[in-house]
Amino acid sequence: MRWLAAELLAFCRWCNGSFFGHGIRDSVWLFPFVEIFHLLALGLLGGTVVILNLSLLGFRFRGEPVAAVARDVRPWMIGSIVVMLVSGFLLFSTEAVKMYGSPAFQLKMLFLLLAILFTFTVHRKVTMLEEGHIAPLWRKLAAVVCIALWAAVALGGRAIGYVNSSGAS
């Protein structure tokens, strides 16, 4: 496990010294520009997660099958996740070593991994099944877990600016 921590720290140091890290960190307007895309993608992802899960919970789109709603929002969801990952990496590269020691960032990354895995495995399967093929309790549980995981990612990201990090040199 120690080797993993050492490799992650080496990667963070590389990110800090990279073209992306220096270019964005040293620019007056580039960091806010990238952050705008990150936040717009976060809003779009949040909207698709809410719409799909409200449908799964039976609160919206009652006339339309959940599988149809899932098919409609999935390209927007995937696109927003891609934009968030790319822009997130660019933002991360500006202070990667600081993020390495941040408990809030570490939790955000853990929840991001869990949210992506859950969304594209269990949740996808539940949303693509027809109404009668899965118990309503499991549908509701999948919706609540999905919303909770993505909310944890957003809250973890928000907490980064407020939680002290131990840092690394």
Protein backbone atom coordinates (compact mmCIF):
# COMPACT_ATOMS: atom_id res chain seq x y z
CA MET A 1 0.00 0.00 0.00
CA ARG A 2 2.95 2.27 0.65
CA TRP A 3 4.10 1.94 -2.95
CA LEU A 4 0.67 3.12 -4.12
CA ALA A 5 0.90 6.23 -1.95
CA ALA A 6 4.39 6.91 -3.29
CA GLU A 7 3.23 6.46 -6.89
CA LEU A 8 0.23 8.74 -6.34
CA LEU A 9 2.45 11.42 -4.82
CA ALA A 10 4.87 11.12 -7.77
CA PHE A 11 1.91 11.50 -10.14
CA CYS A 12 0.71 14.57 -8.24
CA ARG A 13 4.17 16.12 -8.43
CA TRP A 14 4.24 15.44 -12.17
CA CYS A 15 0.79 17.08 -12.54
CA ASN A 16 1.95 20.16 -10.62
CA GLY A 17 4.94 20.55 -12.90
CA SER A 18 3.11 19.68 -16.10
CA PHE A 19 2.25 22.00 -18.97
CA PHE A 20 -1.39 21.93 -17.78
CA GLY A 21 -0.54 22.70 -14.17
CA HIS A 22 1.74 25.61 -14.96
CA GLY A 23 -0.36 26.98 -17.80
CA ILE A 24 -3.62 27.06 -15.89
CA ARG A 25 -2.08 28.13 -12.57
CA ASP A 26 -0.12 30.98 -14.16
CA SER A 27 -2.99 32.30 -16.28
CA VAL A 28 -5.32 34.99 -15.01
CA TRP A 29 -8.33 33.72 -16.93
CA LEU A 30 -7.70 30.04 -17.70
CA PHE A 31 -8.53 28.59 -14.25
CA PRO A 32 -11.95 30.33 -14.09
CA PHE A 33 -12.62 29.34 -17.72
CA VAL A 34 -11.96 25.64 -17.01
CA GLU A 35 -13.91 25.86 -13.75
CA ILE A 36 -16.95 27.24 -15.60
CA PHE A 37 -17.01 24.13 -17.79
CA HIS A 38 -16.56 21.93 -14.73
CA LEU A 39 -19.47 23.58 -12.94
CA LEU A 40 -21.73 23.59 -16.02
CA ALA A 41 -21.09 19.87 -16.45
CA LEU A 42 -21.79 19.34 -12.75
CA GLY A 43 -25.13 21.13 -13.13
CA LEU A 44 -26.02 19.11 -16.21
CA LEU A 45 -25.05 15.86 -14.51
CA GLY A 46 -27.05 16.83 -11.43
CA GLY A 47 -30.07 17.54 -13.60
CA THR A 48 -29.88 14.22 -15.40
CA VAL A 49 -29.39 12.33 -12.14
CA VAL A 50 -32.39 14.07 -10.56
CA ILE A 51 -34.65 13.61 -13.60
CA LEU A 52 -33.80 9.94 -14.00
CA ASN A 53 -34.10 9.13 -10.32
CA LEU A 54 -37.34 11.06 -9.83
CA SER A 55 -38.67 8.97 -12.68
CA LEU A 56 -37.36 5.82 -10.99
CA LEU A 57 -39.05 6.89 -7.74
CA GLY A 58 -42.30 7.52 -9.61
CA PHE A 59 -42.45 11.28 -8.99
CA ARG A 60 -42.04 12.50 -12.59
CA PHE A 61 -42.72 11.31 -16.13
CA ARG A 62 -45.34 8.82 -14.93
CA GLY A 63 -46.59 8.28 -18.46
CA GLU A 64 -43.16 7.49 -19.83
CA PRO A 65 -41.29 4.28 -18.95
CA VAL A 66 -38.14 4.73 -16.87
CA ALA A 67 -36.13 2.92 -19.55
CA ALA A 68 -37.16 5.57 -22.10
CA VAL A 69 -36.18 8.40 -19.73
CA ALA A 70 -32.86 6.62 -19.08
CA ARG A 71 -32.17 6.34 -22.82
CA ASP A 72 -32.99 10.02 -23.30
CA VAL A 73 -30.76 11.34 -20.50
CA ARG A 74 -27.88 8.87 -20.79
CA PRO A 75 -25.98 10.74 -23.57
CA TRP A 76 -26.23 13.96 -21.55
CA MET A 77 -25.10 12.13 -18.42
CA ILE A 78 -22.11 10.54 -20.15
CA GLY A 79 -21.15 13.79 -21.87
CA SER A 80 -21.27 15.75 -18.63
CA ILE A 81 -19.19 13.11 -16.83
CA VAL A 82 -16.56 13.26 -19.60
CA VAL A 83 -16.42 17.08 -19.42
CA MET A 84 -16.21 16.92 -15.62
CA LEU A 85 -13.39 14.37 -15.68
CA VAL A 86 -11.34 16.32 -18.22
CA SER A 87 -11.92 19.72 -16.62
CA GLY A 88 -11.46 18.19 -13.16
CA PHE A 89 -8.09 16.80 -14.16
CA LEU A 90 -7.06 20.20 -15.50
CA LEU A 91 -8.12 21.91 -12.26
CA PHE A 92 -6.46 19.18 -10.19
CA SER A 93 -3.18 19.66 -12.09
CA THR A 94 -2.89 23.23 -10.76
CA GLU A 95 -2.51 22.07 -7.16
CA ALA A 96 -2.22 18.30 -7.28
CA VAL A 97 0.21 17.94 -4.37
CA LYS A 98 -2.10 19.98 -2.16
CA MET A 99 -5.03 17.76 -3.21
CA TYR A 100 -2.99 14.65 -2.46
CA GLY A 101 -3.11 15.54 1.24
CA SER A 102 -6.70 16.76 1.30
CA PRO A 103 -9.16 14.45 3.08
CA ALA A 104 -12.06 16.21 1.32
CA PHE A 105 -10.48 15.55 -2.10
CA GLN A 106 -9.76 11.94 -1.18
CA LEU A 107 -13.39 11.42 -0.17
CA LYS A 108 -14.59 13.15 -3.32
CA MET A 109 -12.49 10.79 -5.45
CA LEU A 110 -13.74 7.76 -3.50
CA PHE A 111 -17.36 8.80 -3.96
CA LEU A 112 -16.72 9.64 -7.63
CA LEU A 113 -15.41 6.14 -8.23
CA LEU A 114 -18.34 4.58 -6.34
CA ALA A 115 -20.88 6.81 -8.11
CA ILE A 116 -19.55 5.98 -11.58
CA LEU A 117 -19.37 2.26 -10.83
CA PHE A 118 -22.87 2.19 -9.32
CA THR A 119 -24.42 4.36 -12.04
CA PHE A 120 -23.08 2.30 -14.93
CA THR A 121 -23.65 -1.12 -13.39
CA VAL A 122 -26.45 -1.60 -10.85
CA HIS A 123 -28.35 1.61 -11.57
CA ARG A 124 -28.15 1.16 -15.34
CA LYS A 125 -29.52 -2.37 -15.05
CA VAL A 126 -32.38 -1.22 -12.79
CA THR A 127 -33.32 1.69 -15.08
CA MET A 128 -33.27 -0.42 -18.22
CA LEU A 129 -35.60 -3.12 -16.86
CA GLU A 130 -39.32 -2.84 -17.45
CA GLU A 131 -41.52 -1.91 -14.49
CA GLY A 132 -42.71 -5.42 -13.62
CA HIS A 133 -39.29 -7.07 -13.76
CA ILE A 134 -37.92 -5.57 -10.53
CA ALA A 135 -39.52 -4.91 -7.18
CA PRO A 136 -40.46 -1.26 -6.49
CA LEU A 137 -38.36 -1.32 -3.32
CA TRP A 138 -35.19 -2.13 -5.31
CA ARG A 139 -36.00 0.61 -7.83
CA LYS A 140 -36.40 3.15 -5.04
CA LEU A 141 -33.27 1.95 -3.26
CA ALA A 142 -31.24 2.26 -6.47
CA ALA A 143 -32.55 5.80 -6.98
CA VAL A 144 -31.74 6.88 -3.42
CA VAL A 145 -28.25 5.34 -3.50
CA CYS A 146 -27.51 6.99 -6.86
CA ILE A 147 -28.63 10.42 -5.66
CA ALA A 148 -26.69 10.01 -2.40
CA LEU A 149 -23.47 9.00 -4.17
CA TRP A 150 -23.56 11.88 -6.66
CA ALA A 151 -24.50 14.33 -3.88
CA ALA A 152 -21.49 13.09 -1.89
CA VAL A 153 -19.25 13.79 -4.90
CA ALA A 154 -20.59 17.35 -5.16
CA LEU A 155 -20.37 17.96 -1.41
CA GLY A 156 -16.84 16.54 -1.31
CA GLY A 157 -15.85 18.93 -4.07
CA ARG A 158 -17.40 21.84 -2.21
CA ALA A 159 -15.62 20.84 1.01
CA ILE A 160 -12.18 20.95 -0.61
CA GLY A 161 -11.90 24.70 -0.05
CA TYR A 162 -12.89 24.42 3.60
CA VAL A 163 -11.08 21.33 4.90
CA ASN A 164 -7.42 21.77 5.80
CA SER A 165 -5.00 19.44 4.12
CA SER A 166 -1.82 18.03 5.52
CA GLY A 167 -0.09 18.72 2.19
CA ALA A 168 2.95 16.93 0.88
CA SER A 169 6.27 18.16 -0.39
